Each structure stands twice: as structure tokens, then as C-alpha cells.
Amino acid sequence: MKKLYLLLCSLALVGCSVTPPELGISGESLKDCPATPNCISSMNNGSGDMSPILFNGSMANAKEKLLSVIHSLPRTTVVEERDNYIRVEFRSQLFGFVDDVEFLLSQAQSNKTKIDFRSASRLGLSDLGVNKARMEKVTALFAK
């Protein structure tokens, strides 16, 4: 039992200490997801990826609404915020593993705003669908 406890504590510490990968905007887009199945993006062409979030209004209003959605979710920390970019860390409840989530806002035609995103686990190969489920929730909350 003691060995299991030590293993779980070690995993928790490893999850908390892993440094973030190189993130941010590359040209006019977010960086591609890695080949591992622990990332979801609205900018990749992979079969499991999602569409961007569309908002009928200005980038400023879209950003304000998006930040409201982000702040309503548990265990989130906004790490970086610019006019058209937001980077957030989401921590898992049990071990505190960090997922890096990025949002890139751009003005589309007819006063619409497009919000692209990338959500990826820092550690491991599979996320058991957590990043996709999170982005589906963010998209649903944003649509309300």
C-alpha cells in the first residue's frame, strides 16, 4: 500500500513539474498538434479534430465571452493574454496534470470572429479523450 501511495505521489509531482512545450502563434496560426493522440485542434486537418468556434460580433466581444467561459471552468489559469491570443493551463483534479489550451481569435467576414484552438496534454501519449471533451464543453458553453 505504501508503494502505491509513493507511486501516486511521484506521478502527481511529475505531472506538475513538466515544463510546457513551445507554444504560441506561428505565422497566422497555432502550432500543429504532435503525432500523439493527446491533442485536439481546430487548425489541423486530422480526422479527429474539430471546427473553430464562430461568433457573430467583434473580436473584443468574442474574447470577453471566451474569457468568461474559461473562468467558469474549474482548475484553470490564464497564463498569457493578448488582443488575439489566450493561453490557459487546465489541471486535472486527481494528479494535477497540466493541459495547455490556446485560443487564436481572428476577424472573419461580415463582422464575425473565428476562434481557433489547440488543446494538448503535456505528458503521456493518450489523454483518453479529455482534450476533445473539454473543447466540446467550451464550444457548447460559448454557444449559450
N, C-alpha and C. Protein backbone atom coordinates (compact mmCIF):
# COMPACT_ATOMS: atom_id res chain seq x y z
N MET A 1 0.83 -1.19 0.00
CA MET A 1 0.00 0.00 0.00
C MET A 1 0.87 1.26 0.00
N LYS A 2 1.95 1.21 0.78
CA LYS A 2 2.84 2.36 0.86
C LYS A 2 3.51 2.62 -0.49
N LYS A 3 3.86 1.54 -1.21
CA LYS A 3 4.49 1.70 -2.52
C LYS A 3 3.52 2.34 -3.51
N LEU A 4 2.26 1.95 -3.45
CA LEU A 4 1.26 2.54 -4.33
C LEU A 4 1.11 4.03 -4.03
N TYR A 5 1.09 4.38 -2.77
CA TYR A 5 0.98 5.78 -2.36
C TYR A 5 2.17 6.58 -2.89
N LEU A 6 3.38 6.04 -2.77
CA LEU A 6 4.57 6.72 -3.26
C LEU A 6 4.54 6.86 -4.78
N LEU A 7 4.06 5.84 -5.47
CA LEU A 7 3.94 5.91 -6.91
C LEU A 7 2.97 7.01 -7.33
N LEU A 8 1.83 7.07 -6.67
CA LEU A 8 0.83 8.09 -6.99
C LEU A 8 1.36 9.49 -6.71
N CYS A 9 2.05 9.65 -5.60
CA CYS A 9 2.64 10.96 -5.27
C CYS A 9 3.69 11.35 -6.31
N SER A 10 4.50 10.39 -6.72
CA SER A 10 5.53 10.66 -7.74
C SER A 10 4.89 11.09 -9.05
N LEU A 11 3.83 10.40 -9.45
CA LEU A 11 3.13 10.77 -10.68
C LEU A 11 2.57 12.18 -10.58
N ALA A 12 2.02 12.51 -9.45
CA ALA A 12 1.45 13.85 -9.26
C ALA A 12 2.53 14.91 -9.38
N LEU A 13 3.69 14.66 -8.79
CA LEU A 13 4.78 15.63 -8.85
C LEU A 13 5.32 15.75 -10.27
N VAL A 14 5.44 14.65 -10.97
CA VAL A 14 5.90 14.68 -12.35
C VAL A 14 4.92 15.47 -13.21
N GLY A 15 3.63 15.26 -13.01
CA GLY A 15 2.63 15.97 -13.78
C GLY A 15 2.67 17.46 -13.55
N CYS A 16 3.03 17.85 -12.35
CA CYS A 16 3.07 19.27 -12.02
C CYS A 16 4.36 19.94 -12.48
N SER A 17 5.42 19.15 -12.64
CA SER A 17 6.72 19.76 -12.89
C SER A 17 7.13 19.80 -14.36
N VAL A 18 6.41 19.15 -15.23
CA VAL A 18 6.78 19.11 -16.63
C VAL A 18 6.64 20.52 -17.21
N THR A 19 7.68 20.98 -17.89
CA THR A 19 7.63 22.32 -18.46
C THR A 19 6.79 22.32 -19.73
N PRO A 20 6.15 23.45 -20.04
CA PRO A 20 5.29 23.48 -21.22
C PRO A 20 6.11 23.40 -22.49
N PRO A 21 5.53 22.82 -23.52
CA PRO A 21 6.22 22.78 -24.81
C PRO A 21 6.23 24.18 -25.41
N GLU A 22 6.92 24.34 -26.51
CA GLU A 22 6.91 25.62 -27.19
C GLU A 22 5.53 25.85 -27.78
N LEU A 23 4.88 26.89 -27.32
CA LEU A 23 3.52 27.19 -27.73
C LEU A 23 3.49 28.57 -28.38
N GLY A 24 2.32 28.96 -28.84
CA GLY A 24 2.15 30.30 -29.38
C GLY A 24 1.74 30.28 -30.84
N ILE A 25 1.79 31.45 -31.42
CA ILE A 25 1.36 31.65 -32.80
C ILE A 25 2.56 31.47 -33.73
N SER A 26 2.36 30.71 -34.78
CA SER A 26 3.38 30.51 -35.80
C SER A 26 2.82 31.06 -37.10
N GLY A 27 3.30 32.20 -37.52
CA GLY A 27 2.70 32.87 -38.68
C GLY A 27 1.35 33.42 -38.27
N GLU A 28 0.29 32.92 -38.88
CA GLU A 28 -1.07 33.33 -38.52
C GLU A 28 -1.87 32.17 -37.98
N SER A 29 -1.18 31.18 -37.42
CA SER A 29 -1.89 30.02 -36.90
C SER A 29 -1.21 29.48 -35.65
N LEU A 30 -1.92 28.59 -34.97
CA LEU A 30 -1.36 27.90 -33.82
C LEU A 30 -0.47 26.77 -34.32
N LYS A 31 0.44 26.34 -33.51
CA LYS A 31 1.32 25.25 -33.91
C LYS A 31 0.52 23.96 -34.07
N ASP A 32 1.00 23.08 -34.92
CA ASP A 32 0.34 21.81 -35.16
C ASP A 32 0.38 20.93 -33.92
N CYS A 33 -0.58 20.04 -33.83
CA CYS A 33 -0.57 19.02 -32.79
C CYS A 33 0.54 18.03 -33.07
N PRO A 34 1.10 17.43 -32.02
CA PRO A 34 2.08 16.37 -32.24
C PRO A 34 1.39 15.12 -32.81
N ALA A 35 2.17 14.14 -33.15
CA ALA A 35 1.63 12.90 -33.72
C ALA A 35 0.91 12.05 -32.67
N THR A 36 1.11 12.34 -31.39
CA THR A 36 0.47 11.57 -30.32
C THR A 36 -1.01 11.93 -30.22
N PRO A 37 -1.85 10.97 -29.79
CA PRO A 37 -3.30 11.22 -29.73
C PRO A 37 -3.74 11.91 -28.43
N ASN A 38 -3.02 12.94 -28.01
CA ASN A 38 -3.39 13.65 -26.79
C ASN A 38 -3.55 15.14 -27.05
N CYS A 39 -4.00 15.46 -28.27
CA CYS A 39 -4.13 16.85 -28.68
C CYS A 39 -5.32 16.96 -29.63
N ILE A 40 -6.02 18.08 -29.54
CA ILE A 40 -7.13 18.38 -30.44
C ILE A 40 -6.94 19.82 -30.93
N SER A 41 -7.25 20.05 -32.18
CA SER A 41 -7.06 21.39 -32.74
C SER A 41 -8.14 21.69 -33.77
N SER A 42 -8.44 22.96 -33.91
CA SER A 42 -9.36 23.39 -34.97
C SER A 42 -8.59 23.76 -36.23
N MET A 43 -7.26 23.70 -36.16
CA MET A 43 -6.44 24.11 -37.31
C MET A 43 -5.80 22.92 -38.02
N ASN A 44 -5.79 21.76 -37.41
CA ASN A 44 -5.22 20.57 -38.07
C ASN A 44 -6.25 19.97 -39.01
N ASN A 45 -5.79 19.18 -39.91
CA ASN A 45 -6.69 18.52 -40.86
C ASN A 45 -6.93 17.07 -40.49
N GLY A 46 -6.60 16.69 -39.27
CA GLY A 46 -6.80 15.30 -38.83
C GLY A 46 -8.27 14.96 -38.71
N SER A 47 -8.58 13.69 -38.82
CA SER A 47 -9.98 13.26 -38.82
C SER A 47 -10.66 13.48 -37.47
N GLY A 48 -9.90 13.50 -36.38
CA GLY A 48 -10.50 13.66 -35.06
C GLY A 48 -10.59 15.10 -34.60
N ASP A 49 -10.14 16.03 -35.41
CA ASP A 49 -10.11 17.41 -34.99
C ASP A 49 -11.46 18.10 -35.18
N MET A 50 -11.57 19.29 -34.61
CA MET A 50 -12.86 19.99 -34.54
C MET A 50 -12.84 21.26 -35.38
N SER A 51 -14.01 21.82 -35.58
CA SER A 51 -14.15 23.10 -36.27
C SER A 51 -13.90 24.24 -35.30
N PRO A 52 -13.47 25.39 -35.81
CA PRO A 52 -13.29 26.54 -34.92
C PRO A 52 -14.64 27.03 -34.39
N ILE A 53 -14.58 27.83 -33.35
CA ILE A 53 -15.77 28.46 -32.79
C ILE A 53 -16.03 29.74 -33.58
N LEU A 54 -17.27 29.96 -33.99
CA LEU A 54 -17.62 31.17 -34.72
C LEU A 54 -18.50 32.05 -33.85
N PHE A 55 -18.27 33.34 -33.91
CA PHE A 55 -19.01 34.31 -33.10
C PHE A 55 -19.48 35.43 -34.00
N ASN A 56 -20.73 35.78 -33.90
CA ASN A 56 -21.30 36.87 -34.69
C ASN A 56 -21.09 38.17 -33.94
N GLY A 57 -19.92 38.77 -34.11
CA GLY A 57 -19.59 40.01 -33.43
C GLY A 57 -18.10 40.28 -33.48
N SER A 58 -17.69 41.30 -32.75
CA SER A 58 -16.30 41.74 -32.79
C SER A 58 -15.36 40.79 -32.04
N MET A 59 -14.08 40.91 -32.33
CA MET A 59 -13.08 40.12 -31.62
C MET A 59 -13.07 40.46 -30.14
N ALA A 60 -13.23 41.72 -29.81
CA ALA A 60 -13.23 42.14 -28.40
C ALA A 60 -14.38 41.47 -27.65
N ASN A 61 -15.57 41.45 -28.24
CA ASN A 61 -16.72 40.81 -27.58
C ASN A 61 -16.54 39.30 -27.50
N ALA A 62 -15.98 38.70 -28.55
CA ALA A 62 -15.73 37.26 -28.55
C ALA A 62 -14.72 36.90 -27.46
N LYS A 63 -13.68 37.70 -27.34
CA LYS A 63 -12.65 37.44 -26.32
C LYS A 63 -13.24 37.56 -24.92
N GLU A 64 -14.05 38.57 -24.70
CA GLU A 64 -14.69 38.76 -23.40
C GLU A 64 -15.58 37.55 -23.04
N LYS A 65 -16.35 37.09 -23.99
CA LYS A 65 -17.22 35.94 -23.76
C LYS A 65 -16.39 34.67 -23.53
N LEU A 66 -15.34 34.49 -24.32
CA LEU A 66 -14.47 33.32 -24.17
C LEU A 66 -13.81 33.31 -22.79
N LEU A 67 -13.31 34.45 -22.34
CA LEU A 67 -12.70 34.52 -21.01
C LEU A 67 -13.71 34.20 -19.91
N SER A 68 -14.95 34.61 -20.10
CA SER A 68 -16.00 34.29 -19.14
C SER A 68 -16.21 32.77 -19.07
N VAL A 69 -16.23 32.12 -20.22
CA VAL A 69 -16.38 30.66 -20.26
C VAL A 69 -15.18 29.99 -19.58
N ILE A 70 -13.99 30.43 -19.91
CA ILE A 70 -12.77 29.86 -19.32
C ILE A 70 -12.80 29.98 -17.80
N HIS A 71 -13.13 31.16 -17.30
CA HIS A 71 -13.13 31.38 -15.85
C HIS A 71 -14.23 30.60 -15.13
N SER A 72 -15.24 30.13 -15.87
CA SER A 72 -16.30 29.34 -15.25
C SER A 72 -15.90 27.89 -15.06
N LEU A 73 -14.81 27.47 -15.67
CA LEU A 73 -14.36 26.08 -15.59
C LEU A 73 -13.38 25.90 -14.43
N PRO A 74 -13.40 24.74 -13.78
CA PRO A 74 -12.53 24.54 -12.61
C PRO A 74 -11.06 24.34 -13.00
N ARG A 75 -10.19 24.68 -12.07
CA ARG A 75 -8.75 24.43 -12.16
C ARG A 75 -8.13 25.01 -13.43
N THR A 76 -8.46 26.26 -13.73
CA THR A 76 -7.92 26.94 -14.91
C THR A 76 -7.08 28.14 -14.49
N THR A 77 -6.03 28.38 -15.23
CA THR A 77 -5.20 29.55 -15.03
C THR A 77 -4.89 30.17 -16.38
N VAL A 78 -5.26 31.43 -16.57
CA VAL A 78 -4.90 32.13 -17.80
C VAL A 78 -3.44 32.55 -17.63
N VAL A 79 -2.59 32.03 -18.50
CA VAL A 79 -1.15 32.25 -18.41
C VAL A 79 -0.70 33.41 -19.28
N GLU A 80 -1.34 33.57 -20.42
CA GLU A 80 -0.97 34.64 -21.34
C GLU A 80 -2.22 35.14 -22.04
N GLU A 81 -2.28 36.46 -22.22
CA GLU A 81 -3.44 37.06 -22.87
C GLU A 81 -2.98 38.24 -23.71
N ARG A 82 -3.29 38.19 -24.99
CA ARG A 82 -3.02 39.30 -25.91
C ARG A 82 -4.33 39.64 -26.61
N ASP A 83 -4.30 40.63 -27.50
CA ASP A 83 -5.52 41.03 -28.20
C ASP A 83 -6.19 39.86 -28.90
N ASN A 84 -5.39 39.01 -29.55
CA ASN A 84 -5.96 37.94 -30.37
C ASN A 84 -5.54 36.54 -29.90
N TYR A 85 -4.98 36.42 -28.72
CA TYR A 85 -4.44 35.14 -28.26
C TYR A 85 -4.63 34.97 -26.76
N ILE A 86 -5.03 33.76 -26.37
CA ILE A 86 -5.16 33.42 -24.95
C ILE A 86 -4.55 32.04 -24.75
N ARG A 87 -3.70 31.91 -23.72
CA ARG A 87 -3.16 30.59 -23.36
C ARG A 87 -3.58 30.28 -21.94
N VAL A 88 -4.13 29.08 -21.75
CA VAL A 88 -4.69 28.66 -20.47
C VAL A 88 -4.10 27.32 -20.07
N GLU A 89 -3.88 27.14 -18.77
CA GLU A 89 -3.49 25.84 -18.23
C GLU A 89 -4.69 25.26 -17.49
N PHE A 90 -5.05 24.04 -17.85
CA PHE A 90 -6.09 23.29 -17.16
C PHE A 90 -5.39 22.18 -16.38
N ARG A 91 -5.73 22.01 -15.10
CA ARG A 91 -5.13 20.96 -14.28
C ARG A 91 -6.17 19.89 -13.98
N SER A 92 -5.71 18.63 -14.04
CA SER A 92 -6.61 17.54 -13.70
C SER A 92 -6.84 17.53 -12.19
N GLN A 93 -7.99 17.05 -11.80
CA GLN A 93 -8.37 17.08 -10.39
C GLN A 93 -7.52 16.13 -9.53
N LEU A 94 -7.29 14.94 -10.01
CA LEU A 94 -6.65 13.93 -9.18
C LEU A 94 -5.15 14.13 -9.03
N PHE A 95 -4.43 14.26 -10.12
CA PHE A 95 -2.97 14.34 -10.05
C PHE A 95 -2.41 15.71 -10.39
N GLY A 96 -3.23 16.63 -10.85
CA GLY A 96 -2.76 17.96 -11.19
C GLY A 96 -1.99 18.02 -12.51
N PHE A 97 -2.22 17.03 -13.40
CA PHE A 97 -1.57 17.06 -14.71
C PHE A 97 -2.05 18.29 -15.47
N VAL A 98 -1.17 18.88 -16.26
CA VAL A 98 -1.48 20.12 -16.96
C VAL A 98 -1.74 19.85 -18.43
N ASP A 99 -2.82 20.45 -18.93
CA ASP A 99 -3.11 20.51 -20.36
C ASP A 99 -2.99 21.97 -20.77
N ASP A 100 -2.31 22.22 -21.86
CA ASP A 100 -2.15 23.58 -22.40
C ASP A 100 -3.20 23.81 -23.46
N VAL A 101 -3.97 24.88 -23.31
CA VAL A 101 -5.02 25.22 -24.26
C VAL A 101 -4.75 26.62 -24.78
N GLU A 102 -4.79 26.75 -26.10
CA GLU A 102 -4.55 28.04 -26.73
C GLU A 102 -5.74 28.41 -27.60
N PHE A 103 -6.03 29.70 -27.65
CA PHE A 103 -7.10 30.23 -28.48
C PHE A 103 -6.52 31.36 -29.33
N LEU A 104 -6.84 31.34 -30.61
CA LEU A 104 -6.41 32.39 -31.53
C LEU A 104 -7.64 32.98 -32.18
N LEU A 105 -7.87 34.27 -31.95
CA LEU A 105 -9.04 34.96 -32.50
C LEU A 105 -8.65 35.71 -33.75
N SER A 106 -9.52 35.66 -34.76
CA SER A 106 -9.29 36.41 -35.98
C SER A 106 -10.62 36.92 -36.51
N GLN A 107 -10.55 38.09 -37.14
CA GLN A 107 -11.75 38.69 -37.69
C GLN A 107 -12.07 38.01 -39.01
N ALA A 108 -13.26 37.48 -39.10
CA ALA A 108 -13.72 36.85 -40.34
C ALA A 108 -14.61 37.85 -41.08
N GLN A 109 -15.18 37.42 -42.16
CA GLN A 109 -16.03 38.31 -42.95
C GLN A 109 -17.34 38.64 -42.23
N SER A 110 -17.94 39.72 -42.60
CA SER A 110 -19.27 40.14 -42.10
C SER A 110 -19.32 40.28 -40.58
N ASN A 111 -18.32 40.93 -39.99
CA ASN A 111 -18.28 41.18 -38.54
C ASN A 111 -18.39 39.90 -37.72
N LYS A 112 -17.81 38.82 -38.20
CA LYS A 112 -17.77 37.57 -37.46
C LYS A 112 -16.34 37.35 -36.97
N THR A 113 -16.25 36.66 -35.85
CA THR A 113 -14.95 36.33 -35.29
C THR A 113 -14.79 34.82 -35.29
N LYS A 114 -13.63 34.38 -35.72
CA LYS A 114 -13.29 32.95 -35.71
C LYS A 114 -12.32 32.72 -34.55
N ILE A 115 -12.63 31.69 -33.75
CA ILE A 115 -11.75 31.34 -32.64
C ILE A 115 -11.20 29.94 -32.90
N ASP A 116 -9.93 29.89 -33.26
CA ASP A 116 -9.26 28.61 -33.42
C ASP A 116 -8.68 28.22 -32.07
N PHE A 117 -8.47 26.93 -31.87
CA PHE A 117 -7.95 26.45 -30.59
C PHE A 117 -7.07 25.24 -30.77
N ARG A 118 -6.26 25.00 -29.74
CA ARG A 118 -5.40 23.82 -29.66
C ARG A 118 -5.36 23.43 -28.19
N SER A 119 -5.69 22.20 -27.88
CA SER A 119 -5.69 21.70 -26.51
C SER A 119 -4.87 20.43 -26.47
N ALA A 120 -3.79 20.43 -25.65
CA ALA A 120 -2.88 19.29 -25.65
C ALA A 120 -2.39 18.98 -24.24
N SER A 121 -2.23 17.70 -23.96
CA SER A 121 -1.65 17.24 -22.70
C SER A 121 -0.15 17.43 -22.75
N ARG A 122 0.43 17.84 -21.64
CA ARG A 122 1.88 17.97 -21.57
C ARG A 122 2.58 16.63 -21.44
N LEU A 123 1.90 15.67 -20.86
CA LEU A 123 2.53 14.41 -20.50
C LEU A 123 1.73 13.24 -21.05
N GLY A 124 2.41 12.20 -21.45
CA GLY A 124 1.74 10.98 -21.88
C GLY A 124 1.43 10.94 -23.36
N LEU A 125 0.98 9.79 -23.79
CA LEU A 125 0.65 9.60 -25.20
C LEU A 125 -0.83 9.75 -25.47
N SER A 126 -1.66 9.26 -24.58
CA SER A 126 -3.11 9.34 -24.75
C SER A 126 -3.71 10.16 -23.62
N ASP A 127 -4.77 10.86 -23.94
CA ASP A 127 -5.47 11.63 -22.91
C ASP A 127 -6.87 11.07 -22.65
N LEU A 128 -7.17 9.91 -23.25
CA LEU A 128 -8.47 9.25 -23.11
C LEU A 128 -9.62 10.16 -23.52
N GLY A 129 -9.36 11.06 -24.47
CA GLY A 129 -10.41 11.94 -24.99
C GLY A 129 -10.69 13.17 -24.17
N VAL A 130 -9.86 13.44 -23.16
CA VAL A 130 -10.12 14.57 -22.26
C VAL A 130 -10.06 15.92 -22.99
N ASN A 131 -9.06 16.11 -23.84
CA ASN A 131 -8.93 17.40 -24.52
C ASN A 131 -10.09 17.66 -25.48
N LYS A 132 -10.51 16.65 -26.21
CA LYS A 132 -11.65 16.82 -27.11
C LYS A 132 -12.93 17.11 -26.31
N ALA A 133 -13.14 16.38 -25.23
CA ALA A 133 -14.33 16.61 -24.40
C ALA A 133 -14.31 18.03 -23.82
N ARG A 134 -13.14 18.49 -23.41
CA ARG A 134 -13.04 19.85 -22.87
C ARG A 134 -13.41 20.88 -23.92
N MET A 135 -12.89 20.72 -25.13
CA MET A 135 -13.17 21.69 -26.17
C MET A 135 -14.62 21.62 -26.65
N GLU A 136 -15.22 20.45 -26.60
CA GLU A 136 -16.65 20.35 -26.88
C GLU A 136 -17.45 21.10 -25.82
N LYS A 137 -17.02 21.01 -24.56
CA LYS A 137 -17.70 21.74 -23.49
C LYS A 137 -17.52 23.24 -23.64
N VAL A 138 -16.31 23.68 -23.94
CA VAL A 138 -16.06 25.12 -24.15
C VAL A 138 -16.91 25.62 -25.30
N THR A 139 -16.97 24.87 -26.39
CA THR A 139 -17.76 25.27 -27.55
C THR A 139 -19.25 25.35 -27.18
N ALA A 140 -19.75 24.39 -26.42
CA ALA A 140 -21.15 24.39 -26.03
C ALA A 140 -21.46 25.56 -25.09
N LEU A 141 -20.59 25.81 -24.12
CA LEU A 141 -20.79 26.93 -23.19
C LEU A 141 -20.72 28.26 -23.94
N PHE A 142 -19.84 28.36 -24.90
CA PHE A 142 -19.70 29.60 -25.68
C PHE A 142 -20.95 29.86 -26.50
N ALA A 143 -21.59 28.80 -26.97
CA ALA A 143 -22.79 28.94 -27.80
C ALA A 143 -24.01 29.40 -27.01
N LYS A 144 -23.98 29.29 -25.69
CA LYS A 144 -25.15 29.69 -24.88
C LYS A 144 -25.34 31.18 -24.86
